[in-house]
C-alpha atoms as a PDB file:
ATOM      1  CA  UNK A   1     134.538 101.873 153.921  1.00  0.00           C
ATOM      2  CA  UNK A   2     131.107 102.593 151.503  1.00  0.00           C
ATOM      3  CA  UNK A   3     130.739 105.830 149.603  1.00  0.00           C
ATOM      4  CA  UNK A   4     127.720 107.634 150.622  1.00  0.00           C
ATOM      5  CA  UNK A   5     126.018 108.244 146.686  1.00  0.00           C
ATOM      6  CA  UNK A   6     126.008 112.108 145.878  1.00  0.00           C
ATOM      7  CA  UNK A   7     124.144 113.437 143.417  1.00  0.00           C
ATOM      8  CA  UNK A   8     126.524 114.767 140.744  1.00  0.00           C
ATOM      9  CA  UNK A   9     124.425 118.530 138.841  1.00  0.00           C
ATOM     10  CA  UNK A  10     126.901 118.979 135.328  1.00  0.00           C
ATOM     11  CA  UNK A  11     127.255 122.835 135.498  1.00  0.00           C
ATOM     12  CA  UNK A  12     126.753 124.151 131.933  1.00  0.00           C
ATOM     13  CA  UNK A  13     129.726 126.118 130.143  1.00  0.00           C
ATOM     14  CA  UNK A  14     128.622 129.157 129.419  1.00  0.00           C
ATOM     15  CA  UNK A  15     128.860 129.250 125.207  1.00  0.00           C
ATOM     16  CA  UNK A  16     131.817 132.254 124.156  1.00  0.00           C
ATOM     17  CA  UNK A  17     131.303 135.488 122.279  1.00  0.00           C
ATOM     18  CA  UNK A  18     132.295 133.398 119.022  1.00  0.00           C
ATOM     19  CA  UNK A  19     130.224 130.878 118.816  1.00  0.00           C
ATOM     20  CA  UNK A  20     127.214 132.936 119.988  1.00  0.00           C
ATOM     21  CA  UNK A  21     128.002 135.439 117.110  1.00  0.00           C
ATOM     22  CA  UNK A  22     128.484 132.587 114.716  1.00  0.00           C
ATOM     23  CA  UNK A  23     125.059 131.189 115.500  1.00  0.00           C
ATOM     24  CA  UNK A  24     123.441 135.059 114.835  1.00  0.00           C
ATOM     25  CA  UNK A  25     125.487 135.053 111.403  1.00  0.00           C
ATOM     26  CA  UNK A  26     124.045 132.001 110.738  1.00  0.00           C
ATOM     27  CA  UNK A  27     120.562 132.480 111.709  1.00  0.00           C
ATOM     28  CA  UNK A  28     121.079 135.997 109.767  1.00  0.00           C
ATOM     29  CA  UNK A  29     121.858 133.701 106.411  1.00  0.00           C
ATOM     30  CA  UNK A  30     119.052 131.142 106.970  1.00  0.00           C
ATOM     31  CA  UNK A  31     117.160 134.265 106.820  1.00  0.00           C
ATOM     32  CA  UNK A  32     118.600 135.895 104.030  1.00  0.00           C
ATOM     33  CA  UNK A  33     118.157 133.030 101.753  1.00  0.00           C
ATOM     34  CA  UNK A  34     114.610 132.528 102.568  1.00  0.00           C
ATOM     35  CA  UNK A  35     113.436 136.341 101.845  1.00  0.00           C
ATOM     36  CA  UNK A  36     115.658 135.662  99.010  1.00  0.00           C
ATOM     37  CA  UNK A  37     113.062 132.984  97.451  1.00  0.00           C
ATOM     38  CA  UNK A  38     110.400 135.386  98.087  1.00  0.00           C
ATOM     39  CA  UNK A  39     112.565 137.831  95.912  1.00  0.00           C
ATOM     40  CA  UNK A  40     113.667 135.147  93.391  1.00  0.00           C
ATOM     41  CA  UNK A  41     109.634 135.009  93.182  1.00  0.00           C
ATOM     42  CA  UNK A  42     109.059 138.987  92.722  1.00  0.00           C
ATOM     43  CA  UNK A  43     111.394 139.008  90.216  1.00  0.00           C
ATOM     44  CA  UNK A  44     110.116 136.701  88.118  1.00  0.00           C
ATOM     45  CA  UNK A  45     106.197 137.030  88.421  1.00  0.00           C
ATOM     46  CA  UNK A  46     106.767 141.286  88.447  1.00  0.00           C
ATOM     47  CA  UNK A  47     108.134 141.451  85.152  1.00  0.00           C
ATOM     48  CA  UNK A  48     105.292 139.025  83.613  1.00  0.00           C
ATOM     49  CA  UNK A  49     102.292 140.877  85.135  1.00  0.00           C
ATOM     50  CA  UNK A  50     103.869 144.185  83.586  1.00  0.00           C
ATOM     51  CA  UNK A  51     103.760 143.057  80.105  1.00  0.00           C
ATOM     52  CA  UNK A  52     100.675 141.459  80.817  1.00  0.00           C
ATOM     53  CA  UNK A  53      98.556 144.496  81.451  1.00  0.00           C
ATOM     54  CA  UNK A  54      97.859 145.668  78.647  1.00  0.00           C
ATOM     55  CA  UNK A  55      96.279 142.485  77.369  1.00  0.00           C
ATOM     56  CA  UNK A  56      94.345 142.322  80.646  1.00  0.00           C
ATOM     57  CA  UNK A  57      92.833 145.763  80.506  1.00  0.00           C
ATOM     58  CA  UNK A  58      91.857 145.031  77.189  1.00  0.00           C
ATOM     59  CA  UNK A  59      90.069 141.398  78.096  1.00  0.00           C
ATOM     60  CA  UNK A  60      90.087 141.273  81.100  1.00  0.00           C
ATOM     61  CA  UNK A  61      89.216 137.905  83.043  1.00  0.00           C
ATOM     62  CA  UNK A  62      87.540 136.759  79.484  1.00  0.00           C
ATOM     63  CA  UNK A  63      90.928 135.735  78.280  1.00  0.00           C
ATOM     64  CA  UNK A  64      90.111 133.132  80.616  1.00  0.00           C
ATOM     65  CA  UNK A  65      86.739 131.881  79.010  1.00  0.00           C
ATOM     66  CA  UNK A  66      87.655 132.836  75.280  1.00  0.00           C
ATOM     67  CA  UNK A  67      88.746 130.012  73.051  1.00  0.00           C
ATOM     68  CA  UNK A  68      89.560 132.034  69.482  1.00  0.00           C
ATOM     69  CA  UNK A  69      93.249 132.686  69.727  1.00  0.00           C
ATOM     70  CA  UNK A  70      93.232 134.774  66.109  1.00  0.00           C
ATOM     71  CA  UNK A  71      96.047 137.321  65.675  1.00  0.00           C
ATOM     72  CA  UNK A  72      95.380 138.348  62.881  1.00  0.00           C
ATOM     73  CA  UNK A  73      92.280 140.124  64.736  1.00  0.00           C
ATOM     74  CA  UNK A  74      93.943 140.348  68.083  1.00  0.00           C
ATOM     75  CA  UNK A  75      91.017 138.447  69.597  1.00  0.00           C
ATOM     76  CA  UNK A  76      92.822 136.155  72.383  1.00  0.00           C
ATOM     77  CA  UNK A  77      91.479 133.489  75.039  1.00  0.00           C
ATOM     78  CA  UNK A  78      93.356 130.475  76.860  1.00  0.00           C
ATOM     79  CA  UNK A  79      90.256 128.208  77.396  1.00  0.00           C
ATOM     80  CA  UNK A  80      91.866 125.592  75.474  1.00  0.00           C
ATOM     81  CA  UNK A  81      95.168 125.808  76.862  1.00  0.00           C
ATOM     82  CA  UNK A  82      94.590 125.926  79.986  1.00  0.00           C
ATOM     83  CA  UNK A  83      92.024 122.638  79.276  1.00  0.00           C
ATOM     84  CA  UNK A  84      94.552 120.991  77.811  1.00  0.00           C
ATOM     85  CA  UNK A  85      97.052 122.327  80.532  1.00  0.00           C
ATOM     86  CA  UNK A  86      94.969 120.571  83.552  1.00  0.00           C
ATOM     87  CA  UNK A  87      94.013 117.492  81.118  1.00  0.00           C
ATOM     88  CA  UNK A  88      97.472 116.578  80.446  1.00  0.00           C
ATOM     89  CA  UNK A  89      98.933 116.832  83.367  1.00  0.00           C
ATOM     90  CA  UNK A  90      95.698 114.944  85.366  1.00  0.00           C
ATOM     91  CA  UNK A  91      96.212 112.302  83.257  1.00  0.00           C
ATOM     92  CA  UNK A  92     100.267 112.142  83.744  1.00  0.00           C
ATOM     93  CA  UNK A  93      99.626 111.721  87.443  1.00  0.00           C
ATOM     94  CA  UNK A  94      96.892 109.048  86.643  1.00  0.00           C
ATOM     95  CA  UNK A  95      99.787 106.981  85.950  1.00  0.00           C
ATOM     96  CA  UNK A  96     102.178 108.127  87.471  1.00  0.00           C
ATOM     97  CA  UNK A  97     100.937 108.786  91.105  1.00  0.00           C
ATOM     98  CA  UNK A  98     100.564 104.655  91.698  1.00  0.00           C
ATOM     99  CA  UNK A  99     103.378 103.815  89.334  1.00  0.00           C
ATOM    100  CA  UNK A 100     105.837 106.152  91.319  1.00  0.00           C
ATOM    101  CA  UNK A 101     104.785 105.595  94.574  1.00  0.00           C
ATOM    102  CA  UNK A 102     104.285 101.571  94.004  1.00  0.00           C
ATOM    103  CA  UNK A 103     107.986 101.971  92.680  1.00  0.00           C
ATOM    104  CA  UNK A 104     109.049 103.584  95.955  1.00  0.00           C
ATOM    105  CA  UNK A 105     107.711 101.276  98.151  1.00  0.00           C
ATOM    106  CA  UNK A 106     108.982  98.448  96.339  1.00  0.00           C
ATOM    107  CA  UNK A 107     112.497  99.781  96.601  1.00  0.00           C
ATOM    108  CA  UNK A 108     112.633 101.385 100.190  1.00  0.00           C
ATOM    109  CA  UNK A 109     111.020  97.961 102.001  1.00  0.00           C
ATOM    110  CA  UNK A 110     113.394  94.417 101.738  1.00  0.00           C
ATOM    111  CA  UNK A 111     111.860  92.520  98.475  1.00  0.00           C
ATOM    112  CA  UNK A 112     114.921  92.341  96.961  1.00  0.00           C
ATOM    113  CA  UNK A 113     118.619  92.265  97.759  1.00  0.00           C
ATOM    114  CA  UNK A 114     120.610  95.151  98.536  1.00  0.00           C
ATOM    115  CA  UNK A 115     122.617  95.028  94.786  1.00  0.00           C
ATOM    116  CA  UNK A 116     119.787  95.176  92.794  1.00  0.00           C
ATOM    117  CA  UNK A 117     117.571  97.899  94.998  1.00  0.00           C
ATOM    118  CA  UNK A 118     120.629 100.027  93.924  1.00  0.00           C
ATOM    119  CA  UNK A 119     120.925  99.144  90.765  1.00  0.00           C
ATOM    120  CA  UNK A 120     116.710  99.764  90.000  1.00  0.00           C
ATOM    121  CA  UNK A 121     117.135 102.912  91.758  1.00  0.00           C
ATOM    122  CA  UNK A 122     119.678 104.392  88.831  1.00  0.00           C
ATOM    123  CA  UNK A 123     117.807 103.120  86.400  1.00  0.00           C
ATOM    124  CA  UNK A 124     114.643 105.169  87.523  1.00  0.00           C
ATOM    125  CA  UNK A 125     116.154 108.333  88.218  1.00  0.00           C
ATOM    126  CA  UNK A 126     118.251 107.700  84.849  1.00  0.00           C
ATOM    127  CA  UNK A 127     114.720 108.608  83.344  1.00  0.00           C
ATOM    128  CA  UNK A 128     115.161 111.954  84.432  1.00  0.00           C
ATOM    129  CA  UNK A 129     118.343 112.557  82.685  1.00  0.00           C
ATOM    130  CA  UNK A 130     117.028 112.316  79.241  1.00  0.00           C
ATOM    131  CA  UNK A 131     116.599 115.220  77.010  1.00  0.00           C
ATOM    132  CA  UNK A 132     112.897 116.936  76.345  1.00  0.00           C
ATOM    133  CA  UNK A 133     112.966 116.583  73.454  1.00  0.00           C
ATOM    134  CA  UNK A 134     113.845 112.703  73.588  1.00  0.00           C
ATOM    135  CA  UNK A 135     110.699 112.182  74.908  1.00  0.00           C
ATOM    136  CA  UNK A 136     109.524 113.989  72.216  1.00  0.00           C
ATOM    137  CA  UNK A 137     110.881 111.845  69.551  1.00  0.00           C
ATOM    138  CA  UNK A 138     109.901 108.491  71.273  1.00  0.00           C
ATOM    139  CA  UNK A 139     106.382 109.842  71.511  1.00  0.00           C
ATOM    140  CA  UNK A 140     106.255 110.507  67.681  1.00  0.00           C
ATOM    141  CA  UNK A 141     107.732 107.324  66.713  1.00  0.00           C
ATOM    142  CA  UNK A 142     107.187 104.705  68.887  1.00  0.00           C
ATOM    143  CA  UNK A 143     104.584 105.694  71.814  1.00  0.00           C
ATOM    144  CA  UNK A 144     101.657 107.227  69.054  1.00  0.00           C
ATOM    145  CA  UNK A 145     101.935 104.176  67.069  1.00  0.00           C
ATOM    146  CA  UNK A 146     101.983 101.704  69.753  1.00  0.00           C
ATOM    147  CA  UNK A 147      98.964 103.556  71.414  1.00  0.00           C
ATOM    148  CA  UNK A 148      96.839 103.715  68.258  1.00  0.00           C
ATOM    149  CA  UNK A 149      94.920  99.978  68.692  1.00  0.00           C
ATOM    150  CA  UNK A 150      93.590 100.885  72.112  1.00  0.00           C
ATOM    151  CA  UNK A 151      92.479 103.937  71.202  1.00  0.00           C
ATOM    152  CA  UNK A 152      90.641 102.604  68.357  1.00  0.00           C
ATOM    153  CA  UNK A 153      88.872  99.816  70.675  1.00  0.00           C
ATOM    154  CA  UNK A 154      88.473 102.769  73.033  1.00  0.00           C
ATOM    155  CA  UNK A 155      86.816 104.750  69.943  1.00  0.00           C
ATOM    156  CA  UNK A 156      84.737 101.987  68.524  1.00  0.00           C
ATOM    157  CA  UNK A 157      83.426 100.468  71.495  1.00  0.00           C
ATOM    158  CA  UNK A 158      82.988 103.598  73.935  1.00  0.00           C
ATOM    159  CA  UNK A 159      82.701 106.451  71.429  1.00  0.00           C
ATOM    160  CA  UNK A 160      79.430 107.766  73.120  1.00  0.00           C
ATOM    161  CA  UNK A 161      81.639 108.665  75.813  1.00  0.00           C
ATOM    162  CA  UNK A 162      82.437 112.201  74.873  1.00  0.00           C
ATOM    163  CA  UNK A 163      86.424 111.130  76.441  1.00  0.00           C
ATOM    164  CA  UNK A 164      86.589 108.236  73.799  1.00  0.00           C
ATOM    165  CA  UNK A 165      84.093 110.440  71.115  1.00  0.00           C
ATOM    166  CA  UNK A 166      86.891 111.016  68.320  1.00  0.00           C
ATOM    167  CA  UNK A 167      89.238 108.757  66.399  1.00  0.00           C
ATOM    168  CA  UNK A 168      93.119 108.480  67.396  1.00  0.00           C
ATOM    169  CA  UNK A 169      94.502 110.787  64.644  1.00  0.00           C
ATOM    170  CA  UNK A 170      98.290 110.818  65.776  1.00  0.00           C
ATOM    171  CA  UNK A 171      99.363 113.284  68.423  1.00  0.00           C
ATOM    172  CA  UNK A 172      96.615 114.286  71.546  1.00  0.00           C
ATOM    173  CA  UNK A 173      96.108 114.879  74.708  1.00  0.00           C
ATOM    174  CA  UNK A 174      96.810 110.669  75.856  1.00  0.00           C
ATOM    175  CA  UNK A 175     100.284 109.922  74.585  1.00  0.00           C
ATOM    176  CA  UNK A 176     101.302 113.577  75.793  1.00  0.00           C
ATOM    177  CA  UNK A 177      99.678 113.138  79.223  1.00  0.00           C
ATOM    178  CA  UNK A 178     101.835 109.554  79.037  1.00  0.00           C
ATOM    179  CA  UNK A 179     104.697 110.719  77.854  1.00  0.00           C
ATOM    180  CA  UNK A 180     104.679 113.722  80.505  1.00  0.00           C
ATOM    181  CA  UNK A 181     103.886 110.569  83.275  1.00  0.00           C
ATOM    182  CA  UNK A 182     106.819 108.771  82.341  1.00  0.00           C
ATOM    183  CA  UNK A 183     108.823 112.336  82.786  1.00  0.00           C
ATOM    184  CA  UNK A 184     107.965 112.848  86.463  1.00  0.00           C
ATOM    185  CA  UNK A 185     107.925 109.345  87.380  1.00  0.00           C
ATOM    186  CA  UNK A 186     111.893 109.486  88.751  1.00  0.00           C
ATOM    187  CA  UNK A 187     110.814 113.028  90.854  1.00  0.00           C
ATOM    188  CA  UNK A 188     107.108 111.028  92.261  1.00  0.00           C
ATOM    189  CA  UNK A 189     109.754 108.052  93.061  1.00  0.00           C
ATOM    190  CA  UNK A 190     112.671 109.127  94.306  1.00  0.00           C
ATOM    191  CA  UNK A 191     111.120 111.576  96.649  1.00  0.00           C
ATOM    192  CA  UNK A 192     108.440 109.342  97.872  1.00  0.00           C
ATOM    193  CA  UNK A 193     111.335 106.557  98.223  1.00  0.00           C
ATOM    194  CA  UNK A 194     113.366 108.874 100.722  1.00  0.00           C
ATOM    195  CA  UNK A 195     110.286 109.966 102.916  1.00  0.00           C
ATOM    196  CA  UNK A 196     109.663 105.978 103.574  1.00  0.00           C
ATOM    197  CA  UNK A 197     113.340 104.916 104.141  1.00  0.00           C
ATOM    198  CA  UNK A 198     113.702 108.240 106.221  1.00  0.00           C
ATOM    199  CA  UNK A 199     110.444 106.694 108.675  1.00  0.00           C
ATOM    200  CA  UNK A 200     112.267 105.867 112.900  1.00  0.00           C
ATOM    201  CA  UNK A 201     112.834 102.163 112.912  1.00  0.00           C
ATOM    202  CA  UNK A 202     110.290 101.367 115.625  1.00  0.00           C
ATOM    203  CA  UNK A 203     106.838 102.792 113.759  1.00  0.00           C
ATOM    204  CA  UNK A 204     108.151  99.494 111.451  1.00  0.00           C
ATOM    205  CA  UNK A 205     108.571  97.256 114.644  1.00  0.00           C
ATOM    206  CA  UNK A 206     106.029  98.473 116.655  1.00  0.00           C
ATOM    207  CA  UNK A 207     103.471  97.859 113.780  1.00  0.00           C
ATOM    208  CA  UNK A 208     104.540  94.482 113.546  1.00  0.00           C
ATOM    209  CA  UNK A 209     105.045  93.322 117.042  1.00  0.00           C
ATOM    210  CA  UNK A 210     101.075  94.746 117.313  1.00  0.00           C
ATOM    211  CA  UNK A 211     100.423  91.798 115.461  1.00  0.00           C
ATOM    212  CA  UNK A 212      99.685  93.431 111.874  1.00  0.00           C
ATOM    213  CA  UNK A 213     100.983  92.127 108.954  1.00  0.00           C
ATOM    214  CA  UNK A 214     103.297  93.898 106.176  1.00  0.00           C
ATOM    215  CA  UNK A 215     101.115  95.427 103.963  1.00  0.00           C
ATOM    216  CA  UNK A 216      99.081  96.609 107.251  1.00  0.00           C
ATOM    217  CA  UNK A 217     102.283  98.579 108.261  1.00  0.00           C
ATOM    218  CA  UNK A 218     103.229  99.731 105.068  1.00  0.00           C
ATOM    219  CA  UNK A 219      99.605 101.092 104.124  1.00  0.00           C
ATOM    220  CA  UNK A 220      98.338 101.499 107.531  1.00  0.00           C
ATOM    221  CA  UNK A 221     101.554 103.103 108.972  1.00  0.00           C
ATOM    222  CA  UNK A 222     103.943 104.067 106.785  1.00  0.00           C
ATOM    223  CA  UNK A 223     102.430 105.974 104.209  1.00  0.00           C
ATOM    224  CA  UNK A 224     100.316 108.185 106.324  1.00  0.00           C
ATOM    225  CA  UNK A 225     103.694 108.578 108.180  1.00  0.00           C
ATOM    226  CA  UNK A 226     105.037 109.469 104.958  1.00  0.00           C
ATOM    227  CA  UNK A 227     101.943 111.383 103.389  1.00  0.00           C
ATOM    228  CA  UNK A 228     103.553 114.738 103.652  1.00  0.00           C
ATOM    229  CA  UNK A 229     106.338 113.663 101.555  1.00  0.00           C
ATOM    230  CA  UNK A 230     104.653 111.961  99.224  1.00  0.00           C
ATOM    231  CA  UNK A 231     102.486 114.331  97.975  1.00  0.00           C
ATOM    232  CA  UNK A 232     105.750 117.045  98.359  1.00  0.00           C
ATOM    233  CA  UNK A 233     107.148 114.800  95.089  1.00  0.00           C
ATOM    234  CA  UNK A 234     103.087 114.561  93.229  1.00  0.00           C
ATOM    235  CA  UNK A 235     103.784 118.001  93.596  1.00  0.00           C
ATOM    236  CA  UNK A 236     106.615 118.181  92.377  1.00  0.00           C
ATOM    237  CA  UNK A 237     106.087 116.153  89.377  1.00  0.00           C
ATOM    238  CA  UNK A 238     102.693 118.071  88.684  1.00  0.00           C
ATOM    239  CA  UNK A 239     104.863 121.450  88.233  1.00  0.00           C
ATOM    240  CA  UNK A 240     106.990 119.418  85.778  1.00  0.00           C
ATOM    241  CA  UNK A 241     104.126 118.483  84.195  1.00  0.00           C
ATOM    242  CA  UNK A 242     102.315 121.909  83.847  1.00  0.00           C
ATOM    243  CA  UNK A 243     105.364 123.717  82.818  1.00  0.00           C
ATOM    244  CA  UNK A 244     106.827 121.412  80.514  1.00  0.00           C
ATOM    245  CA  UNK A 245     107.213 122.758  76.976  1.00  0.00           C
ATOM    246  CA  UNK A 246     109.587 120.310  74.263  1.00  0.00           C
ATOM    247  CA  UNK A 247     108.283 117.287  74.216  1.00  0.00           C
ATOM    248  CA  UNK A 248     104.557 118.170  74.769  1.00  0.00           C
ATOM    249  CA  UNK A 249     105.042 120.292  71.649  1.00  0.00           C
ATOM    250  CA  UNK A 250     105.738 117.662  70.049  1.00  0.00           C
ATOM    251  CA  UNK A 251     103.745 115.383  71.014  1.00  0.00           C
ATOM    252  CA  UNK A 252     100.208 117.040  72.096  1.00  0.00           C
ATOM    253  CA  UNK A 253      99.148 118.280  68.116  1.00  0.00           C
ATOM    254  CA  UNK A 254      98.974 122.249  69.050  1.00  0.00           C
ATOM    255  CA  UNK A 255      95.415 122.589  68.011  1.00  0.00           C
ATOM    256  CA  UNK A 256      93.740 125.834  70.090  1.00  0.00           C
ATOM    257  CA  UNK A 257      90.633 124.251  69.787  1.00  0.00           C
ATOM    258  CA  UNK A 258      88.517 123.284  73.121  1.00  0.00           C
ATOM    259  CA  UNK A 259      87.617 119.706  72.333  1.00  0.00           C
ATOM    260  CA  UNK A 260      86.694 117.244  75.488  1.00  0.00           C
ATOM    261  CA  UNK A 261      88.236 113.801  73.763  1.00  0.00           C
ATOM    262  CA  UNK A 262      91.273 112.495  75.132  1.00  0.00           C
ATOM    263  CA  UNK A 263      92.352 111.611  71.637  1.00  0.00           C
ATOM    264  CA  UNK A 264      92.239 114.828  70.153  1.00  0.00           C
ATOM    265  CA  UNK A 265      95.184 117.581  69.203  1.00  0.00           C
ATOM    266  CA  UNK A 266      94.955 120.079  71.528  1.00  0.00           C
ATOM    267  CA  UNK A 267      97.545 122.584  73.043  1.00  0.00           C
ATOM    268  CA  UNK A 268      99.004 123.322  77.098  1.00  0.00           C
ATOM    269  CA  UNK A 269     100.027 126.992  77.965  1.00  0.00           C
ATOM    270  CA  UNK A 270     103.690 126.767  78.069  1.00  0.00           C
ATOM    271  CA  UNK A 271     103.223 125.201  74.038  1.00  0.00           C
ATOM    272  CA  UNK A 272     101.586 127.568  73.277  1.00  0.00           C
ATOM    273  CA  UNK A 273     104.304 130.117  74.476  1.00  0.00           C
ATOM    274  CA  UNK A 274     107.136 128.055  73.279  1.00  0.00           C
ATOM    275  CA  UNK A 275     105.220 128.282  69.555  1.00  0.00           C
ATOM    276  CA  UNK A 276     104.616 132.417  69.217  1.00  0.00           C
ATOM    277  CA  UNK A 277     106.852 133.832  70.791  1.00  0.00           C
ATOM    278  CA  UNK A 278     109.536 133.790  68.358  1.00  0.00           C
ATOM    279  CA  UNK A 279     107.055 135.531  66.116  1.00  0.00           C
ATOM    280  CA  UNK A 280     104.930 137.709  67.759  1.00  0.00           C
ATOM    281  CA  UNK A 281     104.714 141.229  68.338  1.00  0.00           C
ATOM    282  CA  UNK A 282     102.509 143.584  69.836  1.00  0.00           C
ATOM    283  CA  UNK A 283      99.560 143.191  71.872  1.00  0.00           C
ATOM    284  CA  UNK A 284     100.584 139.037  71.326  1.00  0.00           C
ATOM    285  CA  UNK A 285     103.565 139.486  73.307  1.00  0.00           C
ATOM    286  CA  UNK A 286     100.999 140.559  76.209  1.00  0.00           C
ATOM    287  CA  UNK A 287      98.317 138.665  75.641  1.00  0.00           C
ATOM    288  CA  UNK A 288     101.401 135.579  75.768  1.00  0.00           C
ATOM    289  CA  UNK A 289     103.010 136.933  78.926  1.00  0.00           C
ATOM    290  CA  UNK A 290      99.022 136.693  80.755  1.00  0.00           C
ATOM    291  CA  UNK A 291      98.732 133.603  78.876  1.00  0.00           C
ATOM    292  CA  UNK A 292     102.492 133.238  81.181  1.00  0.00           C
ATOM    293  CA  UNK A 293     100.831 134.661  84.352  1.00  0.00           C
ATOM    294  CA  UNK A 294      98.147 132.428  84.724  1.00  0.00           C
ATOM    295  CA  UNK A 295     100.187 129.413  83.988  1.00  0.00           C
ATOM    296  CA  UNK A 296     102.094 130.810  87.053  1.00  0.00           C
ATOM    297  CA  UNK A 297      98.583 131.515  89.051  1.00  0.00           C
ATOM    298  CA  UNK A 298      97.711 128.021  88.419  1.00  0.00           C
ATOM    299  CA  UNK A 299     100.833 126.433  90.089  1.00  0.00           C
ATOM    300  CA  UNK A 300     100.638 128.544  93.171  1.00  0.00           C
ATOM    301  CA  UNK A 301      96.930 127.391  93.381  1.00  0.00           C
ATOM    302  CA  UNK A 302      97.972 123.951  92.945  1.00  0.00           C
ATOM    303  CA  UNK A 303     100.743 124.159  96.139  1.00  0.00           C
ATOM    304  CA  UNK A 304      98.150 125.721  98.325  1.00  0.00           C
ATOM    305  CA  UNK A 305      95.663 122.288  97.152  1.00  0.00           C
ATOM    306  CA  UNK A 306      98.296 119.675  98.453  1.00  0.00           C
ATOM    307  CA  UNK A 307      99.357 122.453 101.452  1.00  0.00           C
ATOM    308  CA  UNK A 308      95.755 122.341 102.369  1.00  0.00           C
ATOM    309  CA  UNK A 309      95.622 118.855 101.655  1.00  0.00           C
ATOM    310  CA  UNK A 310      99.015 117.704 104.028  1.00  0.00           C
ATOM    311  CA  UNK A 311      96.766 119.681 106.612  1.00  0.00           C
ATOM    312  CA  UNK A 312      93.762 117.764 106.621  1.00  0.00           C
ATOM    313  CA  UNK A 313      95.809 114.188 106.740  1.00  0.00           C
ATOM    314  CA  UNK A 314      98.048 115.864 109.252  1.00  0.00           C
ATOM    315  CA  UNK A 315      94.501 116.191 111.673  1.00  0.00           C
ATOM    316  CA  UNK A 316      93.383 113.003 110.743  1.00  0.00           C
ATOM    317  CA  UNK A 317      96.170 111.371 112.444  1.00  0.00           C
ATOM    318  CA  UNK A 318      96.759 113.734 115.567  1.00  0.00           C
END
């Protein structure tokens, strides 16, 4: 005897009061954590801004465009340090972004056996565990002598270009940027690799099924889909480069003069603060705090720019 089909509708079970309480407690806990991040940010920024007030009142915005840093006469300007911070970080990104993203693609695709891929991933991430002072010593005794022939070649053949207008004399912007690139490489590689590996397999299969080659799939499908994560890794690497102190202090030359050449000694805001805080007093402390506030603002502007770029790319592919 045939049994007629009957539509059976599942009756949702009502949640117990305990489960509702736990959900509400979890939501409240996450809100506390979110507000805690803002509180920590304010606790960092407010004391710095408070101690920078005397320098802000005396120098105003001229502090950002002045190039004289003289504790004897209490004349302070941070433009050479802003330039050194931005240029050294830019040099680092020019090397670290293509190398890091390329390494992430290599480690997230099936180019090599899993055992070798795991070993290479471990070696790349091991770079993040090396102390900054070791990078600095390596830069002094290995990297600077290694880069000197390249610097001399660029100076002799392209010295008419302002970027190469000075001979490499040892510490300078270029070797500092190369060291910062190596230090930011594991951050960019790890986050980019995780972003690519977390994409749904359907994206790759659908692209290949439509006739796209493997490289077209990588560059036209996978990278745009993981773009926000890749940009996040790049911005974290940039933040590391802009805030690096010990390695930059040992390699960049610590010169407060503003020069265009990448082979000339320079300085960064972080290096300036590390070098002068132990002996600073009076208005010099306030000027250093003002410089720290400038670095704080630069980092914030970089993150805002990164968010804008991500939104523009998302709008393009939606």
